[in-house]
Amino acid sequence: MNGPGVVISTALIDEMVAHCLASYPEEGCGLLVGPPDGSAVTRCVPTGNVAASAKLYTVDPRAHLRAERDAEEKGLAVVGVFHSHTHTDPYPSPTDVVQAPDPSWHYVLVSLRHELASVRSYRIVGGAIAEEPIFEAARLESD
């Protein structure tokens, strides 16, 4: 794990929120791509939620494999995942914690509970949840 926090452009945050809103009433989800050190997110990869649920998400495994291969070809890596909470705050649920696949990932939650979506990022390591700051950049160079 690197330093505290992650850099994500405002445009990428908007893209995540838009995908989650378009997926409503089900949870929206997708992958986050960036430098292998996990310091930033340079690309958002919206995916289908194969769980087709308003209470949990499962990233489409084929989309995950494509995103990993594409990232590797560009010298990047999948550095996290995002998903929405349709009726609760942007805090990892017990299910989110159990399903957290990689302790080095950023887990970005988009809450659609209120009229204005709220976005938070976490690290989940060994079941422990730690919120991390999102440093919003007006613009990041895209891959």
C-alpha atoms as a PDB file:
ATOM      1  CA  MET A   1       0.000   0.000   0.000  1.00  0.00           C
ATOM      2  CA  ASN A   2       1.261   3.432  -0.841  1.00  0.00           C
ATOM      3  CA  GLY A   3       0.707   6.799   0.762  1.00  0.00           C
ATOM      4  CA  PRO A   4      -2.676   7.786   2.102  1.00  0.00           C
ATOM      5  CA  GLY A   5      -5.240   8.816  -0.425  1.00  0.00           C
ATOM      6  CA  VAL A   6      -5.790   8.570  -4.135  1.00  0.00           C
ATOM      7  CA  VAL A   7      -5.939  11.102  -6.960  1.00  0.00           C
ATOM      8  CA  ILE A   8      -9.086  10.884  -9.092  1.00  0.00           C
ATOM      9  CA  SER A   9     -10.120  13.525 -11.602  1.00  0.00           C
ATOM     10  CA  THR A  10     -13.456  15.245 -11.243  1.00  0.00           C
ATOM     11  CA  ALA A  11     -14.389  13.919 -14.698  1.00  0.00           C
ATOM     12  CA  LEU A  12     -13.809  10.312 -13.565  1.00  0.00           C
ATOM     13  CA  ILE A  13     -15.831  10.846 -10.404  1.00  0.00           C
ATOM     14  CA  ASP A  14     -18.634  12.234 -12.580  1.00  0.00           C
ATOM     15  CA  GLU A  15     -18.352   9.173 -14.856  1.00  0.00           C
ATOM     16  CA  MET A  16     -18.678   6.808 -11.886  1.00  0.00           C
ATOM     17  CA  VAL A  17     -21.702   8.689 -10.546  1.00  0.00           C
ATOM     18  CA  ALA A  18     -23.336   8.750 -14.000  1.00  0.00           C
ATOM     19  CA  HIS A  19     -22.868   4.980 -14.409  1.00  0.00           C
ATOM     20  CA  CYS A  20     -24.320   4.329 -10.953  1.00  0.00           C
ATOM     21  CA  LEU A  21     -27.315   6.563 -11.679  1.00  0.00           C
ATOM     22  CA  ALA A  22     -27.881   4.806 -15.021  1.00  0.00           C
ATOM     23  CA  SER A  23     -27.766   1.428 -13.242  1.00  0.00           C
ATOM     24  CA  TYR A  24     -30.359   2.450 -10.642  1.00  0.00           C
ATOM     25  CA  PRO A  25     -32.366   0.800  -9.057  1.00  0.00           C
ATOM     26  CA  GLU A  26     -29.623  -1.845  -9.113  1.00  0.00           C
ATOM     27  CA  GLU A  27     -26.147  -1.169  -7.793  1.00  0.00           C
ATOM     28  CA  GLY A  28     -23.790   0.101 -10.453  1.00  0.00           C
ATOM     29  CA  CYS A  29     -20.190  -1.051 -10.472  1.00  0.00           C
ATOM     30  CA  GLY A  30     -16.929  -0.924 -12.349  1.00  0.00           C
ATOM     31  CA  LEU A  31     -13.177  -1.077 -12.140  1.00  0.00           C
ATOM     32  CA  LEU A  32     -10.561   1.594 -11.555  1.00  0.00           C
ATOM     33  CA  VAL A  33      -7.341   1.639 -13.572  1.00  0.00           C
ATOM     34  CA  GLY A  34      -4.147   3.551 -12.907  1.00  0.00           C
ATOM     35  CA  PRO A  35      -0.411   3.269 -12.318  1.00  0.00           C
ATOM     36  CA  PRO A  36       0.547  -0.017 -10.633  1.00  0.00           C
ATOM     37  CA  ASP A  37       1.552   1.870  -7.475  1.00  0.00           C
ATOM     38  CA  GLY A  38      -2.132   2.750  -6.939  1.00  0.00           C
ATOM     39  CA  SER A  39      -1.429   6.450  -6.421  1.00  0.00           C
ATOM     40  CA  ALA A  40      -4.059   7.585  -8.917  1.00  0.00           C
ATOM     41  CA  VAL A  41      -7.027   6.473 -10.957  1.00  0.00           C
ATOM     42  CA  THR A  42      -6.591   7.425 -14.597  1.00  0.00           C
ATOM     43  CA  ARG A  43      -9.473   5.459 -16.046  1.00  0.00           C
ATOM     44  CA  CYS A  44     -12.875   4.242 -14.948  1.00  0.00           C
ATOM     45  CA  VAL A  45     -14.224   1.045 -16.549  1.00  0.00           C
ATOM     46  CA  PRO A  46     -17.996   0.766 -15.962  1.00  0.00           C
ATOM     47  CA  THR A  47     -19.129  -2.853 -15.984  1.00  0.00           C
ATOM     48  CA  GLY A  48     -22.325  -4.775 -15.648  1.00  0.00           C
ATOM     49  CA  ASN A  49     -23.486  -5.949 -12.249  1.00  0.00           C
ATOM     50  CA  VAL A  50     -24.037  -9.658 -12.838  1.00  0.00           C
ATOM     51  CA  ALA A  51     -25.691  -9.926  -9.414  1.00  0.00           C
ATOM     52  CA  ALA A  52     -28.476  -7.706 -10.831  1.00  0.00           C
ATOM     53  CA  SER A  53     -29.278  -6.525  -7.315  1.00  0.00           C
ATOM     54  CA  ALA A  54     -30.040  -3.311  -5.451  1.00  0.00           C
ATOM     55  CA  LYS A  55     -28.172  -4.685  -2.406  1.00  0.00           C
ATOM     56  CA  LEU A  56     -24.976  -6.191  -3.778  1.00  0.00           C
ATOM     57  CA  TYR A  57     -22.732  -6.135  -6.796  1.00  0.00           C
ATOM     58  CA  THR A  58     -20.595  -8.542  -8.762  1.00  0.00           C
ATOM     59  CA  VAL A  59     -18.352  -7.135 -11.473  1.00  0.00           C
ATOM     60  CA  ASP A  60     -18.797  -9.025 -14.754  1.00  0.00           C
ATOM     61  CA  PRO A  61     -15.798 -11.408 -14.788  1.00  0.00           C
ATOM     62  CA  ARG A  62     -15.315 -11.084 -18.565  1.00  0.00           C
ATOM     63  CA  ALA A  63     -15.220  -7.291 -18.289  1.00  0.00           C
ATOM     64  CA  HIS A  64     -12.733  -7.649 -15.430  1.00  0.00           C
ATOM     65  CA  LEU A  65     -10.429  -9.827 -17.526  1.00  0.00           C
ATOM     66  CA  ARG A  66     -10.645  -7.403 -20.482  1.00  0.00           C
ATOM     67  CA  ALA A  67      -9.878  -4.440 -18.207  1.00  0.00           C
ATOM     68  CA  GLU A  68      -6.860  -6.217 -16.698  1.00  0.00           C
ATOM     69  CA  ARG A  69      -5.458  -7.169 -20.093  1.00  0.00           C
ATOM     70  CA  ASP A  70      -6.021  -3.678 -21.518  1.00  0.00           C
ATOM     71  CA  ALA A  71      -4.404  -2.059 -18.472  1.00  0.00           C
ATOM     72  CA  GLU A  72      -1.368  -4.354 -18.619  1.00  0.00           C
ATOM     73  CA  GLU A  73      -0.850  -3.579 -22.319  1.00  0.00           C
ATOM     74  CA  LYS A  74      -0.591   0.105 -21.344  1.00  0.00           C
ATOM     75  CA  GLY A  75       1.694  -0.441 -18.356  1.00  0.00           C
ATOM     76  CA  LEU A  76      -1.209   0.153 -15.953  1.00  0.00           C
ATOM     77  CA  ALA A  77      -3.134  -2.027 -13.503  1.00  0.00           C
ATOM     78  CA  VAL A  78      -6.585  -2.463 -12.051  1.00  0.00           C
ATOM     79  CA  VAL A  79      -6.169  -0.543  -8.787  1.00  0.00           C
ATOM     80  CA  GLY A  80      -9.680  -0.685  -7.409  1.00  0.00           C
ATOM     81  CA  VAL A  81     -13.384  -1.018  -7.825  1.00  0.00           C
ATOM     82  CA  PHE A  82     -16.348   1.307  -7.467  1.00  0.00           C
ATOM     83  CA  HIS A  83     -19.973   0.576  -6.784  1.00  0.00           C
ATOM     84  CA  SER A  84     -23.079   2.317  -5.588  1.00  0.00           C
ATOM     85  CA  HIS A  85     -25.177   2.064  -2.497  1.00  0.00           C
ATOM     86  CA  THR A  86     -28.667   2.851  -3.655  1.00  0.00           C
ATOM     87  CA  HIS A  87     -30.241   3.618  -0.270  1.00  0.00           C
ATOM     88  CA  THR A  88     -27.414   3.816   2.254  1.00  0.00           C
ATOM     89  CA  ASP A  89     -24.418   6.004   3.026  1.00  0.00           C
ATOM     90  CA  PRO A  90     -21.098   5.563   1.187  1.00  0.00           C
ATOM     91  CA  TYR A  91     -19.566   3.203   3.743  1.00  0.00           C
ATOM     92  CA  PRO A  92     -18.599  -0.445   3.105  1.00  0.00           C
ATOM     93  CA  SER A  93     -21.241  -2.935   4.156  1.00  0.00           C
ATOM     94  CA  PRO A  94     -20.298  -6.227   5.837  1.00  0.00           C
ATOM     95  CA  THR A  95     -20.819  -7.884   2.425  1.00  0.00           C
ATOM     96  CA  ASP A  96     -18.464  -5.356   0.793  1.00  0.00           C
ATOM     97  CA  VAL A  97     -15.798  -6.177   3.379  1.00  0.00           C
ATOM     98  CA  VAL A  98     -16.106  -9.942   2.876  1.00  0.00           C
ATOM     99  CA  GLN A  99     -15.982  -9.539  -0.915  1.00  0.00           C
ATOM    100  CA  ALA A 100     -12.985  -7.152  -0.939  1.00  0.00           C
ATOM    101  CA  PRO A 101     -10.588  -9.081  -3.213  1.00  0.00           C
ATOM    102  CA  ASP A 102      -7.347  -7.131  -2.870  1.00  0.00           C
ATOM    103  CA  PRO A 103      -5.929  -5.257   0.142  1.00  0.00           C
ATOM    104  CA  SER A 104      -4.011  -2.863  -2.148  1.00  0.00           C
ATOM    105  CA  TRP A 105      -7.162  -1.725  -3.991  1.00  0.00           C
ATOM    106  CA  HIS A 106      -9.163   1.450  -3.578  1.00  0.00           C
ATOM    107  CA  TYR A 107     -12.831   0.747  -2.808  1.00  0.00           C
ATOM    108  CA  VAL A 108     -14.834   3.725  -4.020  1.00  0.00           C
ATOM    109  CA  LEU A 109     -18.447   3.964  -2.917  1.00  0.00           C
ATOM    110  CA  VAL A 110     -21.070   6.140  -4.566  1.00  0.00           C
ATOM    111  CA  SER A 111     -24.100   6.770  -2.386  1.00  0.00           C
ATOM    112  CA  LEU A 112     -27.353   7.572  -4.160  1.00  0.00           C
ATOM    113  CA  ARG A 113     -29.221   7.927  -0.884  1.00  0.00           C
ATOM    114  CA  HIS A 114     -29.720  11.681  -1.229  1.00  0.00           C
ATOM    115  CA  GLU A 115     -30.490  13.919  -4.177  1.00  0.00           C
ATOM    116  CA  LEU A 116     -26.802  14.734  -4.592  1.00  0.00           C
ATOM    117  CA  ALA A 117     -24.585  11.636  -4.846  1.00  0.00           C
ATOM    118  CA  SER A 118     -21.689  11.380  -2.395  1.00  0.00           C
ATOM    119  CA  VAL A 119     -18.418   9.572  -3.114  1.00  0.00           C
ATOM    120  CA  ARG A 120     -15.891   8.154  -0.639  1.00  0.00           C
ATOM    121  CA  SER A 121     -12.864   5.873  -0.957  1.00  0.00           C
ATOM    122  CA  TYR A 122     -11.638   3.186   1.429  1.00  0.00           C
ATOM    123  CA  ARG A 123      -8.930   0.614   1.893  1.00  0.00           C
ATOM    124  CA  ILE A 124     -10.094  -2.732   3.240  1.00  0.00           C
ATOM    125  CA  VAL A 125      -7.324  -4.860   4.716  1.00  0.00           C
ATOM    126  CA  GLY A 126      -7.969  -7.990   6.752  1.00  0.00           C
ATOM    127  CA  GLY A 127     -11.540  -6.885   7.402  1.00  0.00           C
ATOM    128  CA  ALA A 128     -10.457  -3.462   8.693  1.00  0.00           C
ATOM    129  CA  ILE A 129     -11.970  -0.454   6.918  1.00  0.00           C
ATOM    130  CA  ALA A 130      -9.974   2.762   6.595  1.00  0.00           C
ATOM    131  CA  GLU A 131     -11.328   5.787   4.761  1.00  0.00           C
ATOM    132  CA  GLU A 132      -8.790   7.517   2.537  1.00  0.00           C
ATOM    133  CA  PRO A 133      -8.956  11.001   1.051  1.00  0.00           C
ATOM    134  CA  ILE A 134      -9.785  11.482  -2.602  1.00  0.00           C
ATOM    135  CA  PHE A 135      -7.629  14.203  -4.057  1.00  0.00           C
ATOM    136  CA  GLU A 136      -9.680  15.557  -6.929  1.00  0.00           C
ATOM    137  CA  ALA A 137      -7.646  16.738  -9.859  1.00  0.00           C
ATOM    138  CA  ALA A 138      -9.367  18.953 -12.385  1.00  0.00           C
ATOM    139  CA  ARG A 139      -7.709  16.968 -15.145  1.00  0.00           C
ATOM    140  CA  LEU A 140      -5.348  13.995 -15.284  1.00  0.00           C
ATOM    141  CA  GLU A 141      -3.537  12.801 -18.344  1.00  0.00           C
ATOM    142  CA  SER A 142      -5.455   9.833 -19.687  1.00  0.00           C
ATOM    143  CA  ASP A 143      -3.860   6.640 -20.855  1.00  0.00           C
END
